[in-house]
Amino acid sequence: MAVHMSFFWGKDVVVLFAGWPGDNRLDMYILALVMVFFLAAGAEILSLASNLKLRGLSPAVGALIHAVVFAVRIAMGYLVMLSVMSFNLGVFVVAVVGHTAGSFFLKYRELRASVDPGSNSAPKF
């Protein structure tokens, strides 16, 4: 398989791992796109964790939890970036849509909490 250095369409792509999603397998290509979507949306949703106040915990435990969530969010972001570096337009579009969906979800929850004063603005995942 040739390494692409410009954007291209098609399901014949390698995403993150050698041999994945497979040679001309549409079902595995779709699975790779779904994975990239959820990685991108998850990275956006985990960005909310930096705003959470961890009450009732010692500063060391709170900082440790924050650091672990940060590490997971950054790792997810880097995996999305590496996926986009496959130069496949389908992967690129799904990554952008995933980030957008995650951002929409967070903003929707924030705006809904500001409109409904009885609701708790703390996330309930």
N, C-alpha and C. Protein backbone atom coordinates (compact mmCIF):
# COMPACT_ATOMS: atom_id res chain seq x y z
N MET A 1 0.83 -1.17 0.00
CA MET A 1 0.00 0.00 0.00
C MET A 1 0.89 1.24 0.00
N ALA A 2 0.55 2.18 -0.84
CA ALA A 2 1.31 3.42 -0.94
C ALA A 2 0.95 4.35 0.21
N VAL A 3 1.91 5.13 0.67
CA VAL A 3 1.67 6.12 1.70
C VAL A 3 1.20 7.39 1.00
N HIS A 4 0.04 7.88 1.42
CA HIS A 4 -0.51 9.08 0.80
C HIS A 4 0.05 10.32 1.48
N MET A 5 0.36 11.30 0.67
CA MET A 5 0.85 12.57 1.18
C MET A 5 -0.10 13.71 0.85
N SER A 6 -1.29 13.39 0.40
CA SER A 6 -2.34 14.36 0.16
C SER A 6 -3.67 13.67 0.44
N PHE A 7 -4.72 14.47 0.65
CA PHE A 7 -6.03 13.89 0.98
C PHE A 7 -6.54 13.03 -0.16
N PHE A 8 -7.22 11.96 0.19
CA PHE A 8 -7.82 11.05 -0.79
C PHE A 8 -9.09 10.46 -0.21
N TRP A 9 -10.00 10.06 -1.08
CA TRP A 9 -11.21 9.34 -0.68
C TRP A 9 -10.95 7.86 -0.87
N GLY A 10 -11.61 7.05 -0.09
CA GLY A 10 -11.55 5.62 -0.29
C GLY A 10 -11.42 4.86 1.01
N LYS A 11 -11.79 3.59 0.95
CA LYS A 11 -11.74 2.76 2.14
C LYS A 11 -10.44 2.00 2.28
N ASP A 12 -9.56 2.11 1.32
CA ASP A 12 -8.26 1.45 1.37
C ASP A 12 -7.28 2.35 2.11
N VAL A 13 -7.29 2.26 3.44
CA VAL A 13 -6.52 3.17 4.28
C VAL A 13 -6.01 2.40 5.50
N VAL A 14 -4.95 2.89 6.09
CA VAL A 14 -4.45 2.34 7.35
C VAL A 14 -4.67 3.41 8.42
N VAL A 15 -5.41 3.05 9.47
CA VAL A 15 -5.71 3.97 10.56
C VAL A 15 -5.10 3.42 11.84
N LEU A 16 -4.11 4.10 12.34
CA LEU A 16 -3.45 3.83 13.62
C LEU A 16 -2.60 2.57 13.66
N PHE A 17 -3.07 1.45 13.17
CA PHE A 17 -2.35 0.19 13.29
C PHE A 17 -2.12 -0.42 11.91
N ALA A 18 -0.98 -1.03 11.71
CA ALA A 18 -0.68 -1.67 10.42
C ALA A 18 -1.72 -2.75 10.14
N GLY A 19 -2.28 -2.72 8.95
CA GLY A 19 -3.26 -3.72 8.55
C GLY A 19 -4.67 -3.45 9.04
N TRP A 20 -4.90 -2.31 9.70
CA TRP A 20 -6.25 -2.01 10.18
C TRP A 20 -6.74 -0.74 9.52
N PRO A 21 -7.87 -0.70 8.94
CA PRO A 21 -9.03 -1.56 9.08
C PRO A 21 -9.05 -2.77 8.14
N GLY A 22 -8.05 -3.03 7.37
CA GLY A 22 -8.03 -4.21 6.49
C GLY A 22 -8.11 -3.82 5.04
N ASP A 23 -7.81 -4.78 4.19
CA ASP A 23 -7.78 -4.53 2.75
C ASP A 23 -9.19 -4.51 2.18
N ASN A 24 -9.61 -3.32 1.73
CA ASN A 24 -10.89 -3.15 1.04
C ASN A 24 -12.07 -3.75 1.79
N ARG A 25 -12.09 -3.63 3.12
CA ARG A 25 -13.21 -4.12 3.91
C ARG A 25 -14.03 -2.93 4.36
N LEU A 26 -15.20 -2.76 3.77
CA LEU A 26 -16.04 -1.62 4.08
C LEU A 26 -16.50 -1.65 5.53
N ASP A 27 -16.84 -2.83 6.06
CA ASP A 27 -17.32 -2.90 7.44
C ASP A 27 -16.25 -2.47 8.44
N MET A 28 -15.02 -2.86 8.21
CA MET A 28 -13.94 -2.47 9.11
C MET A 28 -13.58 -0.99 8.95
N TYR A 29 -13.71 -0.46 7.73
CA TYR A 29 -13.49 0.96 7.50
C TYR A 29 -14.52 1.78 8.27
N ILE A 30 -15.77 1.34 8.23
CA ILE A 30 -16.83 2.03 8.97
C ILE A 30 -16.57 1.95 10.47
N LEU A 31 -16.11 0.80 10.95
CA LEU A 31 -15.76 0.67 12.36
C LEU A 31 -14.63 1.63 12.73
N ALA A 32 -13.64 1.78 11.86
CA ALA A 32 -12.54 2.72 12.12
C ALA A 32 -13.08 4.15 12.18
N LEU A 33 -14.01 4.50 11.30
CA LEU A 33 -14.61 5.84 11.32
C LEU A 33 -15.38 6.06 12.61
N VAL A 34 -16.13 5.05 13.05
CA VAL A 34 -16.88 5.17 14.30
C VAL A 34 -15.91 5.36 15.47
N MET A 35 -14.82 4.62 15.47
CA MET A 35 -13.83 4.75 16.54
C MET A 35 -13.24 6.16 16.57
N VAL A 36 -12.90 6.70 15.42
CA VAL A 36 -12.34 8.05 15.36
C VAL A 36 -13.37 9.07 15.84
N PHE A 37 -14.64 8.88 15.46
CA PHE A 37 -15.70 9.77 15.92
C PHE A 37 -15.78 9.78 17.44
N PHE A 38 -15.81 8.60 18.06
CA PHE A 38 -15.94 8.54 19.51
C PHE A 38 -14.67 9.01 20.22
N LEU A 39 -13.51 8.80 19.64
CA LEU A 39 -12.28 9.36 20.22
C LEU A 39 -12.33 10.88 20.23
N ALA A 40 -12.77 11.47 19.12
CA ALA A 40 -12.83 12.93 19.02
C ALA A 40 -13.90 13.49 19.97
N ALA A 41 -15.09 12.89 19.97
CA ALA A 41 -16.15 13.36 20.87
C ALA A 41 -15.75 13.17 22.32
N GLY A 42 -15.13 12.05 22.63
CA GLY A 42 -14.69 11.79 23.99
C GLY A 42 -13.65 12.77 24.47
N ALA A 43 -12.73 13.15 23.60
CA ALA A 43 -11.71 14.13 23.97
C ALA A 43 -12.36 15.47 24.31
N GLU A 44 -13.38 15.85 23.56
CA GLU A 44 -14.09 17.10 23.86
C GLU A 44 -14.85 16.99 25.17
N ILE A 45 -15.52 15.88 25.38
CA ILE A 45 -16.31 15.71 26.60
C ILE A 45 -15.41 15.67 27.83
N LEU A 46 -14.25 15.05 27.72
CA LEU A 46 -13.32 15.02 28.85
C LEU A 46 -12.74 16.39 29.15
N SER A 47 -12.83 17.32 28.21
CA SER A 47 -12.35 18.67 28.50
C SER A 47 -13.19 19.32 29.59
N LEU A 48 -14.40 18.83 29.80
CA LEU A 48 -15.27 19.32 30.87
C LEU A 48 -14.65 19.02 32.24
N ALA A 49 -13.91 17.94 32.34
CA ALA A 49 -13.36 17.53 33.63
C ALA A 49 -12.43 18.58 34.21
N SER A 50 -11.83 19.41 33.38
CA SER A 50 -10.93 20.44 33.91
C SER A 50 -11.71 21.51 34.67
N ASN A 51 -13.02 21.60 34.44
CA ASN A 51 -13.85 22.60 35.13
C ASN A 51 -14.53 22.05 36.37
N LEU A 52 -14.45 20.74 36.60
CA LEU A 52 -15.13 20.15 37.73
C LEU A 52 -14.40 20.44 39.03
N LYS A 53 -15.15 20.71 40.05
CA LYS A 53 -14.59 20.89 41.38
C LYS A 53 -14.73 19.56 42.12
N LEU A 54 -13.64 19.00 42.54
CA LEU A 54 -13.65 17.72 43.24
C LEU A 54 -13.71 18.01 44.73
N ARG A 55 -14.93 18.14 45.24
CA ARG A 55 -15.14 18.49 46.64
C ARG A 55 -15.00 17.25 47.52
N GLY A 56 -14.52 17.48 48.72
CA GLY A 56 -14.43 16.41 49.69
C GLY A 56 -13.20 15.53 49.53
N LEU A 57 -12.34 15.86 48.60
CA LEU A 57 -11.12 15.07 48.41
C LEU A 57 -9.92 15.89 48.84
N SER A 58 -8.88 15.19 49.23
CA SER A 58 -7.65 15.91 49.56
C SER A 58 -7.08 16.52 48.27
N PRO A 59 -6.30 17.58 48.40
CA PRO A 59 -5.72 18.20 47.19
C PRO A 59 -4.89 17.23 46.37
N ALA A 60 -4.17 16.33 47.02
CA ALA A 60 -3.33 15.37 46.28
C ALA A 60 -4.18 14.41 45.46
N VAL A 61 -5.26 13.91 46.04
CA VAL A 61 -6.14 12.97 45.33
C VAL A 61 -6.86 13.71 44.19
N GLY A 62 -7.34 14.92 44.46
CA GLY A 62 -8.00 15.71 43.42
C GLY A 62 -7.06 16.00 42.26
N ALA A 63 -5.81 16.36 42.58
CA ALA A 63 -4.83 16.64 41.53
C ALA A 63 -4.50 15.37 40.74
N LEU A 64 -4.43 14.23 41.43
CA LEU A 64 -4.15 12.97 40.75
C LEU A 64 -5.29 12.60 39.79
N ILE A 65 -6.52 12.74 40.24
CA ILE A 65 -7.67 12.45 39.37
C ILE A 65 -7.66 13.37 38.16
N HIS A 66 -7.42 14.65 38.40
CA HIS A 66 -7.36 15.62 37.30
C HIS A 66 -6.25 15.25 36.31
N ALA A 67 -5.08 14.86 36.83
CA ALA A 67 -3.96 14.50 35.96
C ALA A 67 -4.26 13.26 35.13
N VAL A 68 -4.92 12.27 35.72
CA VAL A 68 -5.26 11.05 34.97
C VAL A 68 -6.26 11.36 33.87
N VAL A 69 -7.29 12.15 34.19
CA VAL A 69 -8.28 12.52 33.17
C VAL A 69 -7.61 13.34 32.07
N PHE A 70 -6.72 14.23 32.44
CA PHE A 70 -5.98 15.03 31.46
C PHE A 70 -5.17 14.13 30.55
N ALA A 71 -4.47 13.15 31.12
CA ALA A 71 -3.64 12.23 30.32
C ALA A 71 -4.50 11.44 29.34
N VAL A 72 -5.66 10.97 29.77
CA VAL A 72 -6.56 10.23 28.88
C VAL A 72 -7.06 11.13 27.76
N ARG A 73 -7.43 12.38 28.11
CA ARG A 73 -7.94 13.32 27.10
C ARG A 73 -6.86 13.64 26.07
N ILE A 74 -5.64 13.87 26.52
CA ILE A 74 -4.55 14.18 25.60
C ILE A 74 -4.23 12.97 24.73
N ALA A 75 -4.23 11.77 25.32
CA ALA A 75 -3.98 10.56 24.53
C ALA A 75 -5.05 10.39 23.46
N MET A 76 -6.30 10.64 23.80
CA MET A 76 -7.37 10.53 22.81
C MET A 76 -7.18 11.56 21.70
N GLY A 77 -6.80 12.77 22.07
CA GLY A 77 -6.54 13.81 21.07
C GLY A 77 -5.41 13.43 20.12
N TYR A 78 -4.34 12.86 20.68
CA TYR A 78 -3.23 12.43 19.83
C TYR A 78 -3.63 11.27 18.92
N LEU A 79 -4.45 10.37 19.40
CA LEU A 79 -4.92 9.27 18.54
C LEU A 79 -5.76 9.80 17.39
N VAL A 80 -6.59 10.81 17.67
CA VAL A 80 -7.37 11.44 16.59
C VAL A 80 -6.43 12.11 15.60
N MET A 81 -5.42 12.82 16.11
CA MET A 81 -4.46 13.49 15.22
C MET A 81 -3.73 12.48 14.35
N LEU A 82 -3.30 11.38 14.94
CA LEU A 82 -2.61 10.35 14.15
C LEU A 82 -3.55 9.73 13.12
N SER A 83 -4.81 9.58 13.46
CA SER A 83 -5.79 9.05 12.50
C SER A 83 -5.95 9.99 11.32
N VAL A 84 -6.04 11.28 11.60
CA VAL A 84 -6.20 12.26 10.53
C VAL A 84 -4.96 12.27 9.64
N MET A 85 -3.80 11.94 10.19
CA MET A 85 -2.58 11.91 9.39
C MET A 85 -2.56 10.77 8.38
N SER A 86 -3.62 9.95 8.35
CA SER A 86 -3.75 8.96 7.28
C SER A 86 -4.11 9.65 5.96
N PHE A 87 -4.49 10.92 6.03
CA PHE A 87 -4.87 11.74 4.88
C PHE A 87 -6.13 11.25 4.17
N ASN A 88 -6.92 10.44 4.87
CA ASN A 88 -8.18 9.97 4.31
C ASN A 88 -9.25 11.00 4.63
N LEU A 89 -9.97 11.48 3.62
CA LEU A 89 -10.98 12.51 3.85
C LEU A 89 -12.12 12.03 4.74
N GLY A 90 -12.47 10.76 4.64
CA GLY A 90 -13.51 10.22 5.51
C GLY A 90 -13.10 10.31 6.97
N VAL A 91 -11.88 9.96 7.28
CA VAL A 91 -11.36 10.04 8.65
C VAL A 91 -11.33 11.49 9.10
N PHE A 92 -10.89 12.39 8.24
CA PHE A 92 -10.84 13.81 8.58
C PHE A 92 -12.23 14.36 8.90
N VAL A 93 -13.19 14.06 8.04
CA VAL A 93 -14.56 14.56 8.24
C VAL A 93 -15.14 14.00 9.54
N VAL A 94 -14.95 12.72 9.79
CA VAL A 94 -15.49 12.11 11.00
C VAL A 94 -14.83 12.69 12.25
N ALA A 95 -13.54 12.99 12.19
CA ALA A 95 -12.85 13.61 13.33
C ALA A 95 -13.42 15.00 13.63
N VAL A 96 -13.63 15.79 12.59
CA VAL A 96 -14.20 17.13 12.78
C VAL A 96 -15.63 17.02 13.32
N VAL A 97 -16.42 16.11 12.77
CA VAL A 97 -17.80 15.92 13.24
C VAL A 97 -17.80 15.43 14.68
N GLY A 98 -16.88 14.56 15.05
CA GLY A 98 -16.80 14.07 16.42
C GLY A 98 -16.47 15.18 17.40
N HIS A 99 -15.48 16.01 17.07
CA HIS A 99 -15.16 17.15 17.93
C HIS A 99 -16.35 18.10 18.04
N THR A 100 -17.03 18.32 16.93
CA THR A 100 -18.20 19.20 16.92
C THR A 100 -19.32 18.63 17.77
N ALA A 101 -19.58 17.33 17.66
CA ALA A 101 -20.64 16.69 18.45
C ALA A 101 -20.32 16.76 19.93
N GLY A 102 -19.08 16.53 20.31
CA GLY A 102 -18.70 16.63 21.71
C GLY A 102 -18.86 18.04 22.24
N SER A 103 -18.46 19.01 21.45
CA SER A 103 -18.60 20.41 21.85
C SER A 103 -20.08 20.79 21.96
N PHE A 104 -20.90 20.33 21.02
CA PHE A 104 -22.35 20.60 21.06
C PHE A 104 -22.95 20.01 22.33
N PHE A 105 -22.58 18.77 22.65
CA PHE A 105 -23.12 18.11 23.84
C PHE A 105 -22.81 18.92 25.10
N LEU A 106 -21.57 19.38 25.23
CA LEU A 106 -21.19 20.16 26.40
C LEU A 106 -21.92 21.49 26.46
N LYS A 107 -21.98 22.20 25.34
CA LYS A 107 -22.64 23.50 25.33
C LYS A 107 -24.14 23.36 25.56
N TYR A 108 -24.75 22.32 25.02
CA TYR A 108 -26.17 22.08 25.23
C TYR A 108 -26.46 21.88 26.72
N ARG A 109 -25.64 21.06 27.39
CA ARG A 109 -25.83 20.82 28.83
C ARG A 109 -25.67 22.11 29.62
N GLU A 110 -24.69 22.92 29.24
CA GLU A 110 -24.46 24.18 29.94
C GLU A 110 -25.63 25.13 29.75
N LEU A 111 -26.11 25.27 28.52
CA LEU A 111 -27.22 26.19 28.25
C LEU A 111 -28.52 25.69 28.85
N ARG A 112 -28.73 24.38 28.83
CA ARG A 112 -29.95 23.82 29.43
C ARG A 112 -29.95 24.08 30.94
N ALA A 113 -28.79 23.95 31.59
CA ALA A 113 -28.69 24.20 33.02
C ALA A 113 -28.93 25.67 33.34
N SER A 114 -28.51 26.58 32.45
CA SER A 114 -28.71 28.00 32.72
C SER A 114 -30.16 28.42 32.49
N VAL A 115 -30.88 27.72 31.63
CA VAL A 115 -32.28 28.04 31.37
C VAL A 115 -33.17 27.46 32.46
N ASP A 116 -32.85 26.27 32.93
CA ASP A 116 -33.64 25.58 33.95
C ASP A 116 -32.94 25.75 35.29
N PRO A 117 -33.38 26.73 36.12
CA PRO A 117 -32.66 27.00 37.36
C PRO A 117 -32.72 25.85 38.36
N GLY A 118 -33.66 24.97 38.23
CA GLY A 118 -33.78 23.85 39.17
C GLY A 118 -32.84 22.71 38.86
N SER A 119 -32.23 22.74 37.68
CA SER A 119 -31.35 21.63 37.31
C SER A 119 -29.96 21.85 37.90
N ASN A 120 -29.28 20.78 38.11
CA ASN A 120 -27.92 20.83 38.63
C ASN A 120 -26.97 20.91 37.44
N SER A 121 -26.03 21.85 37.47
CA SER A 121 -25.13 22.00 36.34
C SER A 121 -24.02 20.97 36.34
N ALA A 122 -23.90 20.19 37.40
CA ALA A 122 -22.87 19.14 37.43
C ALA A 122 -23.25 18.03 36.45
N PRO A 123 -22.29 17.54 35.70
CA PRO A 123 -22.59 16.50 34.70
C PRO A 123 -23.00 15.20 35.37
N LYS A 124 -23.93 14.52 34.73
CA LYS A 124 -24.40 13.22 35.20
C LYS A 124 -24.19 12.22 34.09
N PHE A 125 -23.00 11.64 34.03
CA PHE A 125 -22.68 10.71 32.96
C PHE A 125 -23.05 9.33 33.36
